[in-house]
Amino acid sequence: MGKTKGVNNAEFPAGTSVKIADRPFLEDFLEAGQYHNELEPEQLEFAGRTANVKKVEFFTGGDEIYTLDGIPGVWHEECLSAA
């Protein structure tokens, strides 16, 4: 939540190119299951891919949830980095 820009300020605004975390990270994240809109097991197949942010939403408390162009599901900020 707000790694560098703070709560309710998108780390990756729409149009930003991002890279999805590697598979071991995603597996750990899925197993922990502590965030809103948890990953679905089929999302693991997209580990390491790059995509553009289509949309960002915020949950109470500042969790950032991203929708990516051409990649199914929703992605938590912790699963993404700048590409």
N, C-alpha and C. Protein backbone atom coordinates (compact mmCIF):
# COMPACT_ATOMS: atom_id res chain seq x y z
N MET A 1 0.82 -1.18 0.00
CA MET A 1 0.00 0.00 0.00
C MET A 1 0.86 1.24 0.00
N GLY A 2 0.85 1.90 -1.09
CA GLY A 2 1.56 3.16 -1.19
C GLY A 2 3.05 3.06 -0.95
N LYS A 3 3.73 2.18 -1.67
CA LYS A 3 5.17 1.97 -1.47
C LYS A 3 5.94 3.28 -1.39
N THR A 4 5.74 4.15 -2.36
CA THR A 4 6.50 5.41 -2.37
C THR A 4 5.62 6.64 -2.45
N LYS A 5 4.43 6.50 -2.95
CA LYS A 5 3.58 7.68 -3.17
C LYS A 5 2.52 7.87 -2.10
N GLY A 6 2.45 6.96 -1.14
CA GLY A 6 1.49 7.10 -0.06
C GLY A 6 0.13 6.50 -0.38
N VAL A 7 -0.73 6.53 0.64
CA VAL A 7 -2.06 5.93 0.56
C VAL A 7 -2.92 6.67 -0.46
N ASN A 8 -3.64 5.90 -1.26
CA ASN A 8 -4.58 6.39 -2.28
C ASN A 8 -3.92 7.23 -3.38
N ASN A 9 -2.64 7.03 -3.60
CA ASN A 9 -1.92 7.60 -4.73
C ASN A 9 -1.28 6.44 -5.48
N ALA A 10 -1.73 6.19 -6.69
CA ALA A 10 -1.28 5.02 -7.44
C ALA A 10 0.22 5.00 -7.65
N GLU A 11 0.82 3.88 -7.29
CA GLU A 11 2.24 3.66 -7.60
C GLU A 11 2.43 3.63 -9.11
N PHE A 12 1.46 3.04 -9.78
CA PHE A 12 1.53 2.84 -11.23
C PHE A 12 0.25 3.36 -11.87
N PRO A 13 0.22 4.62 -12.31
CA PRO A 13 -0.99 5.17 -12.95
C PRO A 13 -1.33 4.42 -14.24
N ALA A 14 -2.57 4.56 -14.69
CA ALA A 14 -3.00 3.94 -15.94
C ALA A 14 -2.01 4.30 -17.05
N GLY A 15 -1.67 3.30 -17.86
CA GLY A 15 -0.73 3.48 -18.95
C GLY A 15 0.70 3.13 -18.60
N THR A 16 1.00 3.00 -17.32
CA THR A 16 2.35 2.66 -16.87
C THR A 16 2.67 1.20 -17.21
N SER A 17 3.88 0.96 -17.66
CA SER A 17 4.33 -0.40 -17.93
C SER A 17 4.84 -1.01 -16.63
N VAL A 18 4.32 -2.20 -16.30
CA VAL A 18 4.71 -2.88 -15.06
C VAL A 18 5.13 -4.31 -15.36
N LYS A 19 5.90 -4.87 -14.44
CA LYS A 19 6.31 -6.26 -14.54
C LYS A 19 5.69 -7.03 -13.37
N ILE A 20 5.09 -8.15 -13.67
CA ILE A 20 4.51 -9.02 -12.65
C ILE A 20 5.64 -9.77 -11.96
N ALA A 21 5.52 -9.95 -10.66
CA ALA A 21 6.54 -10.65 -9.87
C ALA A 21 6.79 -12.07 -10.39
N ASP A 22 7.89 -12.67 -9.95
CA ASP A 22 8.22 -14.02 -10.36
C ASP A 22 7.28 -15.04 -9.69
N ARG A 23 7.29 -16.23 -10.21
CA ARG A 23 6.35 -17.26 -9.74
C ARG A 23 6.52 -17.59 -8.25
N PRO A 24 7.73 -17.75 -7.72
CA PRO A 24 7.84 -18.04 -6.29
C PRO A 24 7.20 -16.95 -5.42
N PHE A 25 7.37 -15.69 -5.80
CA PHE A 25 6.73 -14.61 -5.04
C PHE A 25 5.22 -14.74 -5.11
N LEU A 26 4.68 -14.96 -6.33
CA LEU A 26 3.24 -15.07 -6.50
C LEU A 26 2.67 -16.26 -5.72
N GLU A 27 3.41 -17.38 -5.71
CA GLU A 27 2.95 -18.54 -4.94
C GLU A 27 2.87 -18.22 -3.46
N ASP A 28 3.89 -17.54 -2.92
CA ASP A 28 3.88 -17.14 -1.51
C ASP A 28 2.73 -16.17 -1.23
N PHE A 29 2.53 -15.23 -2.14
CA PHE A 29 1.48 -14.23 -1.98
C PHE A 29 0.10 -14.90 -1.97
N LEU A 30 -0.10 -15.85 -2.87
CA LEU A 30 -1.36 -16.57 -2.96
C LEU A 30 -1.60 -17.38 -1.68
N GLU A 31 -0.57 -18.03 -1.20
CA GLU A 31 -0.68 -18.85 0.01
C GLU A 31 -0.99 -17.99 1.24
N ALA A 32 -0.39 -16.80 1.33
CA ALA A 32 -0.60 -15.92 2.48
C ALA A 32 -2.04 -15.43 2.55
N GLY A 33 -2.63 -15.13 1.39
CA GLY A 33 -4.03 -14.74 1.31
C GLY A 33 -4.47 -13.65 2.26
N GLN A 34 -3.69 -12.59 2.38
CA GLN A 34 -4.00 -11.56 3.37
C GLN A 34 -4.49 -10.24 2.80
N TYR A 35 -4.72 -10.17 1.51
CA TYR A 35 -5.11 -8.91 0.89
C TYR A 35 -6.50 -8.99 0.25
N HIS A 36 -7.06 -7.83 -0.07
CA HIS A 36 -8.29 -7.77 -0.86
C HIS A 36 -8.01 -8.37 -2.24
N ASN A 37 -9.04 -8.88 -2.86
CA ASN A 37 -8.94 -9.42 -4.22
C ASN A 37 -7.70 -10.30 -4.38
N GLU A 38 -7.70 -11.41 -3.67
CA GLU A 38 -6.56 -12.32 -3.72
C GLU A 38 -6.35 -12.86 -5.12
N LEU A 39 -5.14 -13.32 -5.39
CA LEU A 39 -4.83 -13.93 -6.68
C LEU A 39 -5.60 -15.22 -6.86
N GLU A 40 -5.87 -15.54 -8.10
CA GLU A 40 -6.44 -16.82 -8.47
C GLU A 40 -5.28 -17.70 -8.94
N PRO A 41 -5.32 -19.01 -8.69
CA PRO A 41 -4.21 -19.89 -9.09
C PRO A 41 -3.80 -19.75 -10.55
N GLU A 42 -4.76 -19.51 -11.46
CA GLU A 42 -4.41 -19.40 -12.88
C GLU A 42 -3.57 -18.15 -13.18
N GLN A 43 -3.55 -17.19 -12.27
CA GLN A 43 -2.73 -15.99 -12.50
C GLN A 43 -1.24 -16.28 -12.38
N LEU A 44 -0.88 -17.38 -11.74
CA LEU A 44 0.54 -17.74 -11.60
C LEU A 44 1.22 -17.89 -12.95
N GLU A 45 0.45 -18.26 -13.96
CA GLU A 45 1.00 -18.46 -15.31
C GLU A 45 1.54 -17.16 -15.92
N PHE A 46 1.19 -16.02 -15.36
CA PHE A 46 1.61 -14.73 -15.91
C PHE A 46 2.82 -14.15 -15.18
N ALA A 47 3.43 -14.94 -14.32
CA ALA A 47 4.61 -14.49 -13.58
C ALA A 47 5.69 -14.00 -14.54
N GLY A 48 6.30 -12.87 -14.20
CA GLY A 48 7.40 -12.33 -14.98
C GLY A 48 7.01 -11.57 -16.23
N ARG A 49 5.74 -11.54 -16.56
CA ARG A 49 5.30 -10.83 -17.77
C ARG A 49 5.23 -9.33 -17.53
N THR A 50 5.28 -8.61 -18.64
CA THR A 50 5.16 -7.15 -18.62
C THR A 50 3.84 -6.76 -19.28
N ALA A 51 3.19 -5.74 -18.71
CA ALA A 51 1.92 -5.26 -19.26
C ALA A 51 1.73 -3.81 -18.86
N ASN A 52 0.77 -3.15 -19.50
CA ASN A 52 0.42 -1.78 -19.14
C ASN A 52 -0.77 -1.79 -18.19
N VAL A 53 -0.74 -0.86 -17.24
CA VAL A 53 -1.85 -0.71 -16.30
C VAL A 53 -3.05 -0.17 -17.06
N LYS A 54 -4.18 -0.86 -16.92
CA LYS A 54 -5.42 -0.43 -17.54
C LYS A 54 -6.22 0.42 -16.56
N LYS A 55 -6.27 -0.03 -15.27
CA LYS A 55 -7.08 0.66 -14.27
C LYS A 55 -6.51 0.38 -12.89
N VAL A 56 -6.66 1.35 -12.00
CA VAL A 56 -6.27 1.17 -10.60
C VAL A 56 -7.44 1.55 -9.70
N GLU A 57 -7.66 0.77 -8.66
CA GLU A 57 -8.70 1.05 -7.68
C GLU A 57 -8.08 1.00 -6.29
N PHE A 58 -8.74 1.64 -5.34
CA PHE A 58 -8.24 1.68 -3.97
C PHE A 58 -9.29 1.13 -3.02
N PHE A 59 -8.83 0.33 -2.07
CA PHE A 59 -9.69 -0.15 -1.00
C PHE A 59 -9.43 0.67 0.24
N THR A 60 -10.39 0.67 1.17
CA THR A 60 -10.19 1.36 2.44
C THR A 60 -8.90 0.85 3.06
N GLY A 61 -8.09 1.75 3.53
CA GLY A 61 -6.79 1.38 4.06
C GLY A 61 -5.68 1.57 3.05
N GLY A 62 -6.04 1.82 1.79
CA GLY A 62 -5.04 2.16 0.79
C GLY A 62 -4.56 1.05 -0.10
N ASP A 63 -5.09 -0.18 0.02
CA ASP A 63 -4.65 -1.24 -0.88
C ASP A 63 -4.92 -0.83 -2.32
N GLU A 64 -3.90 -0.97 -3.16
CA GLU A 64 -4.01 -0.64 -4.58
C GLU A 64 -4.22 -1.92 -5.37
N ILE A 65 -5.29 -1.96 -6.14
CA ILE A 65 -5.63 -3.13 -6.95
C ILE A 65 -5.60 -2.71 -8.42
N TYR A 66 -4.83 -3.43 -9.22
CA TYR A 66 -4.61 -3.07 -10.62
C TYR A 66 -5.24 -4.06 -11.58
N THR A 67 -5.76 -3.53 -12.68
CA THR A 67 -6.18 -4.32 -13.83
C THR A 67 -5.17 -4.02 -14.93
N LEU A 68 -4.69 -5.08 -15.59
CA LEU A 68 -3.65 -4.93 -16.60
C LEU A 68 -4.19 -5.26 -17.99
N ASP A 69 -3.70 -4.54 -19.01
CA ASP A 69 -4.09 -4.80 -20.39
C ASP A 69 -3.62 -6.19 -20.82
N GLY A 70 -4.57 -7.01 -21.28
CA GLY A 70 -4.23 -8.32 -21.83
C GLY A 70 -3.86 -9.39 -20.83
N ILE A 71 -3.98 -9.09 -19.54
CA ILE A 71 -3.65 -10.06 -18.49
C ILE A 71 -4.88 -10.21 -17.61
N PRO A 72 -5.39 -11.42 -17.43
CA PRO A 72 -6.61 -11.58 -16.64
C PRO A 72 -6.41 -11.37 -15.14
N GLY A 73 -7.50 -11.10 -14.47
CA GLY A 73 -7.49 -10.97 -13.02
C GLY A 73 -7.15 -9.57 -12.56
N VAL A 74 -7.11 -9.43 -11.26
CA VAL A 74 -6.69 -8.18 -10.64
C VAL A 74 -5.40 -8.45 -9.88
N TRP A 75 -4.58 -7.43 -9.77
CA TRP A 75 -3.23 -7.58 -9.23
C TRP A 75 -2.99 -6.57 -8.11
N HIS A 76 -2.49 -7.04 -7.01
CA HIS A 76 -2.16 -6.18 -5.89
C HIS A 76 -0.83 -5.49 -6.18
N GLU A 77 -0.71 -4.28 -5.66
CA GLU A 77 0.51 -3.49 -5.83
C GLU A 77 1.76 -4.30 -5.50
N GLU A 78 1.70 -5.13 -4.48
CA GLU A 78 2.88 -5.90 -4.05
C GLU A 78 3.36 -6.90 -5.10
N CYS A 79 2.51 -7.22 -6.04
CA CYS A 79 2.86 -8.19 -7.08
C CYS A 79 3.44 -7.55 -8.33
N LEU A 80 3.60 -6.23 -8.32
CA LEU A 80 4.04 -5.50 -9.50
C LEU A 80 5.27 -4.65 -9.20
N SER A 81 6.03 -4.40 -10.24
CA SER A 81 7.15 -3.44 -10.14
C SER A 81 7.21 -2.68 -11.47
N ALA A 82 7.92 -1.56 -11.47
CA ALA A 82 8.07 -0.78 -12.69
C ALA A 82 8.84 -1.61 -13.71
N ALA A 83 8.40 -1.57 -14.95
CA ALA A 83 9.07 -2.35 -16.00
C ALA A 83 10.21 -1.57 -16.61
